Amino acid sequence: MVTLENFSPSKFLNARAEHGGVLTGHWEFDLALFMTLLAVVAYSFLLPVDAPRGIGRAVIWTMAALFFAGALALAVFGFRNL
């Protein structure tokens, strides 16, 4: 129990995350969240009416799928390291 007598702000200011991640404390999960965001951004280029056709569409689909697969792989890697 923290009371006024044994309260030390340095205990709270020097707290470190276990693996150094900014959001979750684990860099694997932070990178997986970022790659999921990149997959959504890549996929959003297919939504407008003037979206690319042909090889451009295939490149966008491939990039979105690779970002999402990478996010899944990092999440699995992160769960294995818990």
C-alpha atoms as a PDB file:
ATOM      1  CA  MET A   1       0.000   0.000   0.000  1.00  0.00           C
ATOM      2  CA  VAL A   2       1.368   3.412  -0.947  1.00  0.00           C
ATOM      3  CA  THR A   3       1.169   6.018   1.774  1.00  0.00           C
ATOM      4  CA  LEU A   4       2.497   9.545   1.938  1.00  0.00           C
ATOM      5  CA  GLU A   5       5.482   8.367   3.987  1.00  0.00           C
ATOM      6  CA  ASN A   6       6.744   5.765   1.489  1.00  0.00           C
ATOM      7  CA  PHE A   7       5.594   7.469  -1.725  1.00  0.00           C
ATOM      8  CA  SER A   8       8.404   8.047  -4.194  1.00  0.00           C
ATOM      9  CA  PRO A   9       7.694   9.559  -7.619  1.00  0.00           C
ATOM     10  CA  SER A  10      10.874   8.004  -8.986  1.00  0.00           C
ATOM     11  CA  LYS A  11       9.240   4.557  -8.736  1.00  0.00           C
ATOM     12  CA  PHE A  12       6.671   5.637 -11.305  1.00  0.00           C
ATOM     13  CA  LEU A  13       8.935   7.757 -13.505  1.00  0.00           C
ATOM     14  CA  ASN A  14      11.529   5.021 -14.006  1.00  0.00           C
ATOM     15  CA  ALA A  15       9.065   2.318 -15.045  1.00  0.00           C
ATOM     16  CA  ARG A  16      10.185   0.480 -18.171  1.00  0.00           C
ATOM     17  CA  ALA A  17       8.274  -1.668 -20.585  1.00  0.00           C
ATOM     18  CA  GLU A  18       9.334  -5.300 -20.694  1.00  0.00           C
ATOM     19  CA  HIS A  19      10.504  -5.376 -24.304  1.00  0.00           C
ATOM     20  CA  GLY A  20      10.526  -1.675 -25.112  1.00  0.00           C
ATOM     21  CA  GLY A  21       7.294  -1.352 -27.089  1.00  0.00           C
ATOM     22  CA  VAL A  22       5.614   2.041 -27.148  1.00  0.00           C
ATOM     23  CA  LEU A  23       1.937   1.022 -27.152  1.00  0.00           C
ATOM     24  CA  THR A  24       1.754  -2.469 -25.720  1.00  0.00           C
ATOM     25  CA  GLY A  25       5.145  -2.940 -24.078  1.00  0.00           C
ATOM     26  CA  HIS A  26       6.154  -5.542 -26.655  1.00  0.00           C
ATOM     27  CA  TRP A  27       7.760  -4.436 -29.915  1.00  0.00           C
ATOM     28  CA  GLU A  28       6.272  -7.413 -31.781  1.00  0.00           C
ATOM     29  CA  PHE A  29       2.714  -6.361 -31.037  1.00  0.00           C
ATOM     30  CA  ASP A  30       3.431  -2.702 -31.775  1.00  0.00           C
ATOM     31  CA  LEU A  31       4.880  -3.616 -35.158  1.00  0.00           C
ATOM     32  CA  ALA A  32       1.941  -5.967 -35.836  1.00  0.00           C
ATOM     33  CA  LEU A  33      -0.512  -3.128 -35.130  1.00  0.00           C
ATOM     34  CA  PHE A  34       1.440  -0.816 -37.434  1.00  0.00           C
ATOM     35  CA  MET A  35       1.528  -3.414 -40.212  1.00  0.00           C
ATOM     36  CA  THR A  36      -2.225  -3.927 -39.853  1.00  0.00           C
ATOM     37  CA  LEU A  37      -2.656  -0.177 -40.289  1.00  0.00           C
ATOM     38  CA  LEU A  38      -0.454  -0.296 -43.391  1.00  0.00           C
ATOM     39  CA  ALA A  39      -2.555  -3.165 -44.778  1.00  0.00           C
ATOM     40  CA  VAL A  40      -5.721  -1.099 -44.318  1.00  0.00           C
ATOM     41  CA  VAL A  41      -4.099   1.930 -45.953  1.00  0.00           C
ATOM     42  CA  ALA A  42      -2.889  -0.161 -48.903  1.00  0.00           C
ATOM     43  CA  TYR A  43      -6.333  -1.726 -49.310  1.00  0.00           C
ATOM     44  CA  SER A  44      -7.986   1.711 -49.168  1.00  0.00           C
ATOM     45  CA  PHE A  45      -6.376   2.555 -52.524  1.00  0.00           C
ATOM     46  CA  LEU A  46      -8.721  -0.011 -54.109  1.00  0.00           C
ATOM     47  CA  LEU A  47     -11.894   1.640 -52.828  1.00  0.00           C
ATOM     48  CA  PRO A  48     -12.199   4.801 -54.996  1.00  0.00           C
ATOM     49  CA  VAL A  49     -13.994   4.676 -58.317  1.00  0.00           C
ATOM     50  CA  ASP A  50     -10.784   5.594 -60.164  1.00  0.00           C
ATOM     51  CA  ALA A  51      -8.767   2.789 -58.526  1.00  0.00           C
ATOM     52  CA  PRO A  52      -6.075   1.232 -60.709  1.00  0.00           C
ATOM     53  CA  ARG A  53      -6.923  -1.714 -62.926  1.00  0.00           C
ATOM     54  CA  GLY A  54      -4.868  -4.681 -64.031  1.00  0.00           C
ATOM     55  CA  ILE A  55      -1.353  -5.000 -62.662  1.00  0.00           C
ATOM     56  CA  GLY A  56      -1.798  -1.980 -60.356  1.00  0.00           C
ATOM     57  CA  ARG A  57      -4.700  -3.670 -58.608  1.00  0.00           C
ATOM     58  CA  ALA A  58      -2.687  -6.877 -58.253  1.00  0.00           C
ATOM     59  CA  VAL A  59       0.233  -4.971 -56.729  1.00  0.00           C
ATOM     60  CA  ILE A  60      -2.059  -3.264 -54.200  1.00  0.00           C
ATOM     61  CA  TRP A  61      -3.732  -6.563 -53.269  1.00  0.00           C
ATOM     62  CA  THR A  62      -0.313  -8.181 -52.870  1.00  0.00           C
ATOM     63  CA  MET A  63       0.999  -5.376 -50.658  1.00  0.00           C
ATOM     64  CA  ALA A  64      -2.103  -5.427 -48.441  1.00  0.00           C
ATOM     65  CA  ALA A  65      -1.935  -9.224 -48.128  1.00  0.00           C
ATOM     66  CA  LEU A  66       1.797  -9.167 -47.306  1.00  0.00           C
ATOM     67  CA  PHE A  67       1.356  -6.499 -44.636  1.00  0.00           C
ATOM     68  CA  PHE A  68      -1.501  -8.467 -43.087  1.00  0.00           C
ATOM     69  CA  ALA A  69       0.407 -11.766 -43.214  1.00  0.00           C
ATOM     70  CA  GLY A  70       3.428 -10.070 -41.659  1.00  0.00           C
ATOM     71  CA  ALA A  71       1.223  -8.678 -38.883  1.00  0.00           C
ATOM     72  CA  LEU A  72      -0.149 -12.150 -38.171  1.00  0.00           C
ATOM     73  CA  ALA A  73       3.348 -13.627 -38.114  1.00  0.00           C
ATOM     74  CA  LEU A  74       4.583 -10.943 -35.708  1.00  0.00           C
ATOM     75  CA  ALA A  75       1.575 -11.483 -33.449  1.00  0.00           C
ATOM     76  CA  VAL A  76       2.301 -15.219 -33.298  1.00  0.00           C
ATOM     77  CA  PHE A  77       5.970 -14.477 -32.634  1.00  0.00           C
ATOM     78  CA  GLY A  78       4.948 -12.074 -29.885  1.00  0.00           C
ATOM     79  CA  PHE A  79       2.664 -14.606 -28.208  1.00  0.00           C
ATOM     80  CA  ARG A  80       5.455 -17.182 -28.239  1.00  0.00           C
ATOM     81  CA  ASN A  81       7.727 -14.746 -26.394  1.00  0.00           C
ATOM     82  CA  LEU A  82       5.282 -13.948 -23.583  1.00  0.00           C
END
